[in-house]
Every structure is written in C-alpha cells, then in structure tokens.
Amino acid sequence: MKIKARRRFKEDYIQLEKRLKDPVSFRKAINRAITLLQAEKDISKSFTVNRLIKRGEGWFDCYITSEIVMIYAIQGQSIKLTAIGPAKEMYDR
C-alpha cells in the first residue's frame, strides 16, 4: 500500500519529536507501525487500534505508545496519515 502523509501529520510529527524525551524509541515504534500498515499486516497485534466511526469508513487511530496516537485512513490502495500527537490533545481538535 502507498503511504501518504498530510501536511498536518508532518507538522505534528516534527513538533512531537521536539517535545519527547526519547525520540529514538518513538521513531522505531512509528516506523514499525507504518511498515505493518504498508505491508497490509494486522497492526492490532502490536498496537492498540480503534475504528473512528464518527469520521466514516476506513478511519482509525493507533496508539504508537500509551500516550501518543496516530490518526489515519485507509482509502483504496493508500493509507493517509492525517495527524499524530498526545491522545489528550488529539481529540480536543
């Protein structure tokens, strides 16, 4: 599957990395999650994944860590990474 990162996701990612105490382990975890998504593997075996019913068909959140959540959509043969950040901030947007 093709991975597409929206501008907001890229901006969130940069800001998040600056705030984290251990960005290396975060990078490893997110790379693992994206690799699983791209390979069409079951990401829920390694991460907590929830369907975002209010957003519509194909929308999910994935807890990269216990506090960091990534929001993405599966649309056809592509995955759109839309946002990432602390869970308490993500749902207030």
N, C-alpha and C. Protein backbone atom coordinates (compact mmCIF):
# COMPACT_ATOMS: atom_id res chain seq x y z
N MET A 1 0.83 -1.18 0.00
CA MET A 1 0.00 0.00 0.00
C MET A 1 0.88 1.25 0.00
N LYS A 2 0.37 2.27 -0.59
CA LYS A 2 1.09 3.53 -0.66
C LYS A 2 0.77 4.38 0.58
N ILE A 3 1.79 4.97 1.17
CA ILE A 3 1.63 5.81 2.36
C ILE A 3 1.68 7.28 1.94
N LYS A 4 0.68 8.04 2.37
CA LYS A 4 0.64 9.48 2.10
C LYS A 4 0.50 10.20 3.43
N ALA A 5 1.43 11.09 3.73
CA ALA A 5 1.37 11.87 4.97
C ALA A 5 0.88 13.27 4.63
N ARG A 6 -0.21 13.66 5.27
CA ARG A 6 -0.73 15.02 5.06
C ARG A 6 0.17 16.03 5.74
N ARG A 7 0.07 17.24 5.32
CA ARG A 7 0.89 18.33 5.86
C ARG A 7 0.75 18.43 7.38
N ARG A 8 -0.46 18.32 7.86
CA ARG A 8 -0.70 18.40 9.31
C ARG A 8 0.04 17.30 10.05
N PHE A 9 0.04 16.09 9.49
CA PHE A 9 0.76 14.98 10.11
C PHE A 9 2.25 15.31 10.20
N LYS A 10 2.82 15.80 9.13
CA LYS A 10 4.24 16.14 9.10
C LYS A 10 4.57 17.20 10.14
N GLU A 11 3.74 18.22 10.24
CA GLU A 11 3.96 19.29 11.22
C GLU A 11 3.82 18.75 12.65
N ASP A 12 2.79 17.95 12.88
CA ASP A 12 2.60 17.33 14.20
C ASP A 12 3.80 16.48 14.59
N TYR A 13 4.30 15.70 13.62
CA TYR A 13 5.43 14.80 13.87
C TYR A 13 6.67 15.58 14.29
N ILE A 14 6.97 16.65 13.59
CA ILE A 14 8.15 17.48 13.91
C ILE A 14 8.02 18.07 15.31
N GLN A 15 6.86 18.61 15.64
CA GLN A 15 6.63 19.20 16.96
C GLN A 15 6.70 18.15 18.05
N LEU A 16 6.16 17.00 17.79
CA LEU A 16 6.15 15.92 18.77
C LEU A 16 7.56 15.44 19.07
N GLU A 17 8.36 15.25 18.04
CA GLU A 17 9.75 14.81 18.24
C GLU A 17 10.54 15.78 19.12
N LYS A 18 10.28 17.06 18.96
CA LYS A 18 10.97 18.08 19.76
C LYS A 18 10.60 17.98 21.24
N ARG A 19 9.38 17.56 21.52
CA ARG A 19 8.87 17.51 22.89
C ARG A 19 9.22 16.22 23.62
N LEU A 20 9.51 15.16 22.89
CA LEU A 20 9.74 13.86 23.51
C LEU A 20 11.11 13.75 24.17
N LYS A 21 11.13 13.03 25.28
CA LYS A 21 12.40 12.78 25.97
C LYS A 21 13.21 11.71 25.26
N ASP A 22 12.54 10.74 24.64
CA ASP A 22 13.21 9.65 23.95
C ASP A 22 12.67 9.51 22.53
N PRO A 23 13.10 10.41 21.63
CA PRO A 23 12.56 10.35 20.26
C PRO A 23 13.00 9.12 19.48
N VAL A 24 14.10 8.48 19.88
CA VAL A 24 14.59 7.31 19.15
C VAL A 24 13.62 6.15 19.27
N SER A 25 13.16 5.85 20.46
CA SER A 25 12.21 4.74 20.63
C SER A 25 10.88 5.07 19.97
N PHE A 26 10.49 6.34 19.98
CA PHE A 26 9.27 6.76 19.30
C PHE A 26 9.41 6.53 17.80
N ARG A 27 10.53 6.92 17.22
CA ARG A 27 10.76 6.74 15.79
C ARG A 27 10.70 5.25 15.41
N LYS A 28 11.29 4.41 16.25
CA LYS A 28 11.26 2.97 15.98
C LYS A 28 9.83 2.44 15.99
N ALA A 29 9.05 2.88 16.96
CA ALA A 29 7.66 2.42 17.08
C ALA A 29 6.82 2.89 15.91
N ILE A 30 6.95 4.14 15.52
CA ILE A 30 6.12 4.64 14.41
C ILE A 30 6.56 4.02 13.09
N ASN A 31 7.85 3.80 12.93
CA ASN A 31 8.31 3.14 11.71
C ASN A 31 7.77 1.72 11.62
N ARG A 32 7.72 1.04 12.76
CA ARG A 32 7.16 -0.32 12.80
C ARG A 32 5.68 -0.31 12.42
N ALA A 33 4.94 0.65 12.99
CA ALA A 33 3.50 0.74 12.70
C ALA A 33 3.27 1.03 11.22
N ILE A 34 4.01 1.96 10.65
CA ILE A 34 3.83 2.32 9.24
C ILE A 34 4.24 1.15 8.34
N THR A 35 5.29 0.46 8.71
CA THR A 35 5.73 -0.71 7.93
C THR A 35 4.65 -1.79 7.92
N LEU A 36 4.04 -2.03 9.07
CA LEU A 36 2.96 -3.03 9.14
C LEU A 36 1.77 -2.61 8.28
N LEU A 37 1.41 -1.33 8.35
CA LEU A 37 0.30 -0.83 7.53
C LEU A 37 0.61 -0.98 6.05
N GLN A 38 1.82 -0.61 5.67
CA GLN A 38 2.21 -0.66 4.26
C GLN A 38 2.21 -2.09 3.73
N ALA A 39 2.61 -3.02 4.58
CA ALA A 39 2.65 -4.43 4.18
C ALA A 39 1.29 -5.11 4.32
N GLU A 40 0.28 -4.35 4.74
CA GLU A 40 -1.08 -4.86 4.93
C GLU A 40 -1.14 -5.97 5.97
N LYS A 41 -0.30 -5.87 6.99
CA LYS A 41 -0.30 -6.81 8.11
C LYS A 41 -1.30 -6.34 9.16
N ASP A 42 -1.64 -7.22 10.08
CA ASP A 42 -2.57 -6.88 11.16
C ASP A 42 -1.83 -6.06 12.23
N ILE A 43 -2.00 -4.77 12.17
CA ILE A 43 -1.30 -3.85 13.08
C ILE A 43 -1.82 -3.97 14.51
N SER A 44 -3.03 -4.48 14.68
CA SER A 44 -3.63 -4.58 16.01
C SER A 44 -2.97 -5.63 16.89
N LYS A 45 -2.12 -6.48 16.30
CA LYS A 45 -1.38 -7.46 17.11
C LYS A 45 -0.24 -6.80 17.88
N SER A 46 0.22 -5.65 17.40
CA SER A 46 1.35 -4.95 18.02
C SER A 46 0.96 -3.63 18.67
N PHE A 47 -0.14 -3.04 18.22
CA PHE A 47 -0.56 -1.72 18.69
C PHE A 47 -2.05 -1.73 19.01
N THR A 48 -2.49 -0.82 19.84
CA THR A 48 -3.92 -0.65 20.11
C THR A 48 -4.50 0.19 18.98
N VAL A 49 -5.48 -0.37 18.29
CA VAL A 49 -6.10 0.29 17.14
C VAL A 49 -7.60 0.37 17.39
N ASN A 50 -8.18 1.52 17.08
CA ASN A 50 -9.61 1.73 17.24
C ASN A 50 -10.18 2.29 15.94
N ARG A 51 -11.38 1.86 15.59
CA ARG A 51 -12.08 2.45 14.44
C ARG A 51 -12.67 3.77 14.88
N LEU A 52 -12.61 4.75 14.00
CA LEU A 52 -13.18 6.07 14.27
C LEU A 52 -14.49 6.18 13.49
N ILE A 53 -15.53 5.64 14.08
CA ILE A 53 -16.83 5.53 13.42
C ILE A 53 -17.39 6.89 13.02
N LYS A 54 -17.20 7.90 13.85
CA LYS A 54 -17.72 9.23 13.56
C LYS A 54 -17.08 9.85 12.32
N ARG A 55 -15.86 9.46 12.00
CA ARG A 55 -15.17 10.01 10.83
C ARG A 55 -15.56 9.30 9.54
N GLY A 56 -16.10 8.10 9.67
CA GLY A 56 -16.54 7.38 8.47
C GLY A 56 -15.78 6.10 8.25
N GLU A 57 -16.07 5.48 7.14
CA GLU A 57 -15.47 4.20 6.77
C GLU A 57 -13.97 4.34 6.54
N GLY A 58 -13.21 3.41 7.11
CA GLY A 58 -11.77 3.36 6.87
C GLY A 58 -10.91 4.22 7.77
N TRP A 59 -11.48 4.91 8.76
CA TRP A 59 -10.71 5.77 9.66
C TRP A 59 -10.37 5.02 10.94
N PHE A 60 -9.12 5.20 11.40
CA PHE A 60 -8.62 4.52 12.59
C PHE A 60 -7.70 5.43 13.40
N ASP A 61 -7.55 5.07 14.67
CA ASP A 61 -6.45 5.63 15.44
C ASP A 61 -5.59 4.47 15.91
N CYS A 62 -4.31 4.75 16.11
CA CYS A 62 -3.36 3.73 16.51
C CYS A 62 -2.48 4.33 17.60
N TYR A 63 -2.46 3.67 18.76
CA TYR A 63 -1.63 4.14 19.85
C TYR A 63 -0.20 3.65 19.64
N ILE A 64 0.66 4.56 19.22
CA ILE A 64 2.07 4.26 18.98
C ILE A 64 2.75 3.96 20.31
N THR A 65 2.41 4.74 21.33
CA THR A 65 2.80 4.48 22.72
C THR A 65 1.52 4.60 23.53
N SER A 66 1.63 4.46 24.83
CA SER A 66 0.42 4.58 25.66
C SER A 66 -0.16 5.99 25.64
N GLU A 67 0.63 6.98 25.23
CA GLU A 67 0.17 8.37 25.24
C GLU A 67 0.12 9.02 23.85
N ILE A 68 0.78 8.43 22.87
CA ILE A 68 0.85 9.02 21.53
C ILE A 68 -0.05 8.25 20.58
N VAL A 69 -0.92 8.99 19.89
CA VAL A 69 -1.87 8.37 18.97
C VAL A 69 -1.69 8.95 17.56
N MET A 70 -1.81 8.05 16.58
CA MET A 70 -1.72 8.43 15.18
C MET A 70 -3.10 8.19 14.56
N ILE A 71 -3.59 9.15 13.80
CA ILE A 71 -4.87 9.01 13.12
C ILE A 71 -4.60 8.82 11.64
N TYR A 72 -5.25 7.81 11.07
CA TYR A 72 -5.03 7.52 9.65
C TYR A 72 -6.30 6.98 9.01
N ALA A 73 -6.31 7.00 7.68
CA ALA A 73 -7.44 6.48 6.92
C ALA A 73 -6.92 5.55 5.85
N ILE A 74 -7.63 4.44 5.66
CA ILE A 74 -7.32 3.52 4.57
C ILE A 74 -8.33 3.81 3.47
N GLN A 75 -7.81 4.24 2.34
CA GLN A 75 -8.67 4.59 1.21
C GLN A 75 -8.14 3.90 -0.04
N GLY A 76 -8.82 2.87 -0.46
CA GLY A 76 -8.38 2.11 -1.63
C GLY A 76 -7.05 1.45 -1.35
N GLN A 77 -6.06 1.72 -2.19
CA GLN A 77 -4.73 1.15 -2.03
C GLN A 77 -3.75 2.14 -1.40
N SER A 78 -4.28 3.10 -0.65
CA SER A 78 -3.39 4.05 0.02
C SER A 78 -3.82 4.27 1.47
N ILE A 79 -2.83 4.65 2.25
CA ILE A 79 -3.06 4.97 3.66
C ILE A 79 -2.70 6.43 3.85
N LYS A 80 -3.63 7.21 4.36
CA LYS A 80 -3.38 8.63 4.58
C LYS A 80 -3.15 8.87 6.06
N LEU A 81 -1.94 9.27 6.39
CA LEU A 81 -1.60 9.63 7.76
C LEU A 81 -2.04 11.07 7.94
N THR A 82 -2.98 11.30 8.87
CA THR A 82 -3.56 12.64 8.96
C THR A 82 -3.11 13.45 10.17
N ALA A 83 -2.84 12.79 11.30
CA ALA A 83 -2.44 13.53 12.50
C ALA A 83 -1.75 12.60 13.48
N ILE A 84 -0.90 13.18 14.33
CA ILE A 84 -0.23 12.41 15.37
C ILE A 84 0.05 13.34 16.54
N GLY A 85 -0.05 12.80 17.75
CA GLY A 85 0.24 13.61 18.93
C GLY A 85 -0.24 12.93 20.19
N PRO A 86 -0.10 13.64 21.32
CA PRO A 86 -0.61 13.11 22.59
C PRO A 86 -2.12 12.92 22.50
N ALA A 87 -2.59 11.78 22.98
CA ALA A 87 -4.01 11.45 22.89
C ALA A 87 -4.90 12.54 23.49
N LYS A 88 -4.49 13.11 24.61
CA LYS A 88 -5.34 14.12 25.27
C LYS A 88 -5.50 15.37 24.40
N GLU A 89 -4.55 15.64 23.50
CA GLU A 89 -4.65 16.80 22.63
C GLU A 89 -5.35 16.47 21.31
N MET A 90 -5.24 15.26 20.85
CA MET A 90 -5.77 14.88 19.54
C MET A 90 -7.28 14.98 19.47
N TYR A 91 -7.96 14.63 20.50
CA TYR A 91 -9.40 14.59 20.44
C TYR A 91 -10.05 15.91 20.85
N ASP A 92 -9.23 16.89 21.22
CA ASP A 92 -9.75 18.22 21.51
C ASP A 92 -9.76 19.10 20.27
N ARG A 93 -9.20 18.60 19.16
CA ARG A 93 -9.10 19.40 17.93
C ARG A 93 -10.42 19.46 17.21
